[in-house]
Amino acid sequence: MRYIFGMLMLLIGIVAGLAFPDIDLRWDFLGHRSIVTHSFLVPLLLFGVAYQQKHITTRLLAAGFSLSLAIHLSFDLFPRAWAGYALIYIPGYGRTNPEFSQIWTAVNIVICMYLALVLVNSIFELIGVIVGALATFSLHAVQTSIFVPALLTLIAATSVALLLPANSGTKQVVQRQKWET
C-alpha cells in the first residue's frame, strides 16, 4: 500500500514540478524565467524535507518535482533565440546575458536530476521515476518541436548526475541489484 501512495505522490510531484516554473508568468515581480522558479531552489527545499523525513511519500513527491523541473528546463534550454524572455530574470536586477542564462539552465538541469535520483531507494522507485520521466518528457515534447536537443540534454544531465557522489539513492540501488542478481 505504501508503494501505491508513493507512486501517487510521485505523480503529484511531477505535475507540480511541471507547472511550477511558469508561475512566474502570473507574478510580475518575478519576471518570466525567474531565477527563483527556474532553478534548483525549491527542489532543494523539498529535498531537505524529504531527506529528513525519509518517508517514501515525501521522497517521491520531491523526486517527482525535481525530475519534472529538470525536464521543463531541458526544453527551456532551447529557445528560438537567447534574447528577451528567453533569458533568466533576476528580480531587482533584470535579464541576464545569454551565456549566464545557458549555463544557469544547464547546471540546474543537472542539479535537479541529481536531487531526484538521490531520493530513489529501491528498484521499484527507480522504475517509477523512469516511467514518470518518460511520460513527462513525452507530454512536454508534444507541445514543442525541440524534441531531440531536449532529450540529448536530459540524457547528458542524467549521466553527469549519476557520476556525482551520493550516500544513498540510485547508485546504491543499482549496486545492490547487481549483487542480488
Protein backbone atom coordinates (compact mmCIF):
# COMPACT_ATOMS: atom_id res chain seq x y z
CA MET A 1 0.00 0.00 0.00
CA ARG A 2 2.86 2.40 0.76
CA TYR A 3 4.18 1.94 -2.79
CA ILE A 4 0.79 2.94 -4.21
CA PHE A 5 0.81 6.11 -2.11
CA GLY A 6 4.45 6.64 -3.08
CA MET A 7 3.64 6.43 -6.79
CA LEU A 8 0.67 8.77 -6.29
CA MET A 9 2.98 11.28 -4.61
CA LEU A 10 5.50 10.86 -7.45
CA LEU A 11 2.72 11.76 -9.90
CA ILE A 12 1.66 14.77 -7.80
CA GLY A 13 5.29 15.90 -7.62
CA ILE A 14 5.65 15.58 -11.40
CA VAL A 15 2.50 17.61 -12.07
CA ALA A 16 3.52 20.28 -9.56
CA GLY A 17 7.07 20.42 -10.90
CA LEU A 18 5.87 20.90 -14.46
CA ALA A 19 3.53 23.74 -13.50
CA PHE A 20 5.82 25.48 -11.01
CA PRO A 21 8.40 27.17 -13.28
CA ASP A 22 5.79 29.13 -15.19
CA ILE A 23 4.03 30.57 -12.14
CA ASP A 24 6.40 33.45 -12.75
CA LEU A 25 4.07 34.42 -15.63
CA ARG A 26 1.38 35.24 -13.04
CA TRP A 27 3.57 37.30 -10.72
CA ASP A 28 5.06 40.34 -12.41
CA PHE A 29 7.68 40.94 -9.73
CA LEU A 30 9.33 37.59 -10.55
CA GLY A 31 9.56 38.11 -14.31
CA HIS A 32 9.31 35.27 -16.82
CA ARG A 33 12.10 32.69 -16.48
CA SER A 34 12.78 33.94 -13.00
CA ILE A 35 15.93 32.70 -11.32
CA VAL A 36 13.63 31.75 -8.42
CA THR A 37 11.30 29.46 -10.37
CA HIS A 38 13.79 28.21 -12.98
CA SER A 39 16.31 26.82 -10.54
CA PHE A 40 17.06 24.09 -8.03
CA LEU A 41 15.99 26.28 -5.06
CA VAL A 42 12.50 24.80 -4.47
CA PRO A 43 13.63 21.24 -5.32
CA LEU A 44 16.46 21.66 -2.79
CA LEU A 45 13.96 22.76 -0.14
CA LEU A 46 11.76 19.72 -0.89
CA PHE A 47 14.85 17.51 -0.91
CA GLY A 48 15.78 18.75 2.55
CA VAL A 49 12.34 17.96 3.93
CA ALA A 50 12.27 14.54 2.23
CA TYR A 51 15.79 13.67 3.35
CA GLN A 52 14.92 14.49 6.96
CA GLN A 53 11.64 12.54 6.96
CA LYS A 54 12.92 9.56 4.94
CA HIS A 55 9.33 8.54 4.18
CA ILE A 56 8.56 7.11 0.74
CA THR A 57 5.71 9.52 0.01
CA THR A 58 7.74 12.64 0.83
CA ARG A 59 10.80 11.34 -1.03
CA LEU A 60 8.85 10.51 -4.17
CA LEU A 61 6.96 13.81 -4.10
CA ALA A 62 10.29 15.65 -4.00
CA ALA A 63 11.83 13.34 -6.61
CA GLY A 64 8.89 13.87 -8.98
CA PHE A 65 9.05 17.63 -8.55
CA SER A 66 12.80 17.75 -9.18
CA LEU A 67 12.56 15.38 -12.14
CA SER A 68 9.82 17.33 -13.90
CA LEU A 69 11.58 20.65 -13.27
CA ALA A 70 14.71 19.18 -14.92
CA ILE A 71 12.58 18.14 -17.90
CA HIS A 72 10.96 21.58 -18.11
CA LEU A 73 14.40 23.22 -18.05
CA SER A 74 15.73 20.84 -20.72
CA PHE A 75 13.14 22.27 -23.10
CA ASP A 76 13.76 25.85 -21.90
CA LEU A 77 17.43 25.47 -22.82
CA PHE A 78 16.47 25.69 -26.50
CA PRO A 79 14.50 28.88 -27.15
CA ARG A 80 14.30 30.31 -30.66
CA ALA A 81 16.87 32.95 -29.67
CA TRP A 82 18.62 33.82 -26.41
CA ALA A 83 17.02 37.24 -26.15
CA GLY A 84 14.13 38.88 -24.31
CA TYR A 85 12.04 36.50 -22.26
CA ALA A 86 14.31 33.52 -23.01
CA LEU A 87 16.91 34.99 -20.67
CA ILE A 88 16.97 34.25 -16.95
CA TYR A 89 15.41 37.10 -14.97
CA ILE A 90 16.77 38.14 -11.58
CA PRO A 91 14.23 40.19 -9.57
CA GLY A 92 15.69 43.60 -8.79
CA TYR A 93 18.43 43.17 -11.40
CA GLY A 94 16.72 42.31 -14.67
CA ARG A 95 17.59 39.95 -17.52
CA THR A 96 20.95 38.22 -17.57
CA ASN A 97 23.10 37.72 -20.65
CA PRO A 98 22.74 34.64 -22.89
CA GLU A 99 25.87 32.95 -21.57
CA PHE A 100 24.77 33.16 -17.95
CA SER A 101 21.26 32.02 -18.87
CA GLN A 102 22.55 28.97 -20.76
CA ILE A 103 24.98 27.96 -18.02
CA TRP A 104 22.40 28.57 -15.27
CA THR A 105 19.79 26.46 -17.02
CA ALA A 106 22.20 23.60 -17.81
CA VAL A 107 23.63 23.44 -14.28
CA ASN A 108 20.14 23.48 -12.79
CA ILE A 109 19.06 20.57 -15.00
CA VAL A 110 21.95 18.51 -13.60
CA ILE A 111 21.24 19.53 -10.00
CA CYS A 112 17.52 18.76 -10.30
CA MET A 113 18.26 15.33 -11.82
CA TYR A 114 20.78 14.65 -9.07
CA LEU A 115 18.30 15.57 -6.33
CA ALA A 116 15.65 13.34 -7.91
CA LEU A 117 17.98 10.36 -8.25
CA VAL A 118 19.44 10.62 -4.74
CA LEU A 119 15.94 10.25 -3.31
CA VAL A 120 15.39 6.89 -5.01
CA ASN A 121 15.82 3.99 -2.56
CA SER A 122 14.57 0.88 -4.35
CA ILE A 123 14.38 -0.66 -7.78
CA PHE A 124 10.59 -0.18 -7.68
CA GLU A 125 11.04 3.54 -7.04
CA LEU A 126 13.68 3.75 -9.78
CA ILE A 127 11.27 2.15 -12.26
CA GLY A 128 8.56 4.61 -11.18
CA VAL A 129 10.91 7.56 -11.70
CA ILE A 130 11.98 6.28 -15.13
CA VAL A 131 8.37 5.74 -16.24
CA GLY A 132 7.46 9.14 -14.82
CA ALA A 133 10.35 10.76 -16.70
CA LEU A 134 9.38 9.12 -19.98
CA ALA A 135 5.73 10.12 -19.61
CA THR A 136 6.59 13.66 -18.53
CA PHE A 137 9.08 14.14 -21.34
CA SER A 138 6.59 12.78 -23.87
CA LEU A 139 3.82 15.09 -22.67
CA HIS A 140 6.14 18.09 -22.76
CA ALA A 141 7.53 17.11 -26.19
CA VAL A 142 4.06 17.18 -27.73
CA GLN A 143 3.90 20.92 -27.01
CA THR A 144 7.14 21.79 -28.81
CA SER A 145 9.35 20.89 -31.75
CA ILE A 146 12.54 20.77 -29.67
CA PHE A 147 12.46 17.03 -29.05
CA VAL A 148 15.98 15.82 -29.90
CA PRO A 149 18.07 18.60 -28.28
CA ALA A 150 15.98 18.43 -25.09
CA LEU A 151 16.28 14.63 -24.99
CA LEU A 152 20.05 14.72 -25.51
CA THR A 153 20.37 17.38 -22.82
CA LEU A 154 18.36 15.29 -20.37
CA ILE A 155 20.43 12.18 -21.12
CA ALA A 156 23.67 14.14 -20.65
CA ALA A 157 22.42 15.75 -17.41
CA THR A 158 21.32 12.37 -16.04
CA SER A 159 24.71 10.89 -16.91
CA VAL A 160 26.51 13.71 -15.10
CA ALA A 161 24.13 13.41 -12.12
CA LEU A 162 24.88 9.69 -11.88
CA LEU A 163 28.60 10.44 -11.77
CA LEU A 164 28.24 12.78 -8.79
CA PRO A 165 28.85 11.35 -5.32
CA ALA A 166 25.86 10.17 -3.34
CA ASN A 167 25.50 8.44 0.00
CA SER A 168 22.14 6.97 -0.94
CA GLY A 169 19.88 6.80 -3.92
CA THR A 170 20.11 5.39 -7.41
CA LYS A 171 23.78 4.40 -7.37
CA GLN A 172 23.29 2.21 -4.34
CA VAL A 173 20.04 0.76 -5.75
CA VAL A 174 21.86 -0.25 -8.92
CA GLN A 175 24.80 -1.64 -6.94
CA ARG A 176 22.51 -3.60 -4.61
CA GLN A 177 20.62 -5.07 -7.54
CA LYS A 178 23.90 -6.08 -9.17
CA TRP A 179 24.90 -8.04 -6.09
CA GLU A 180 21.46 -9.57 -5.54
CA THR A 181 21.12 -10.97 -9.08
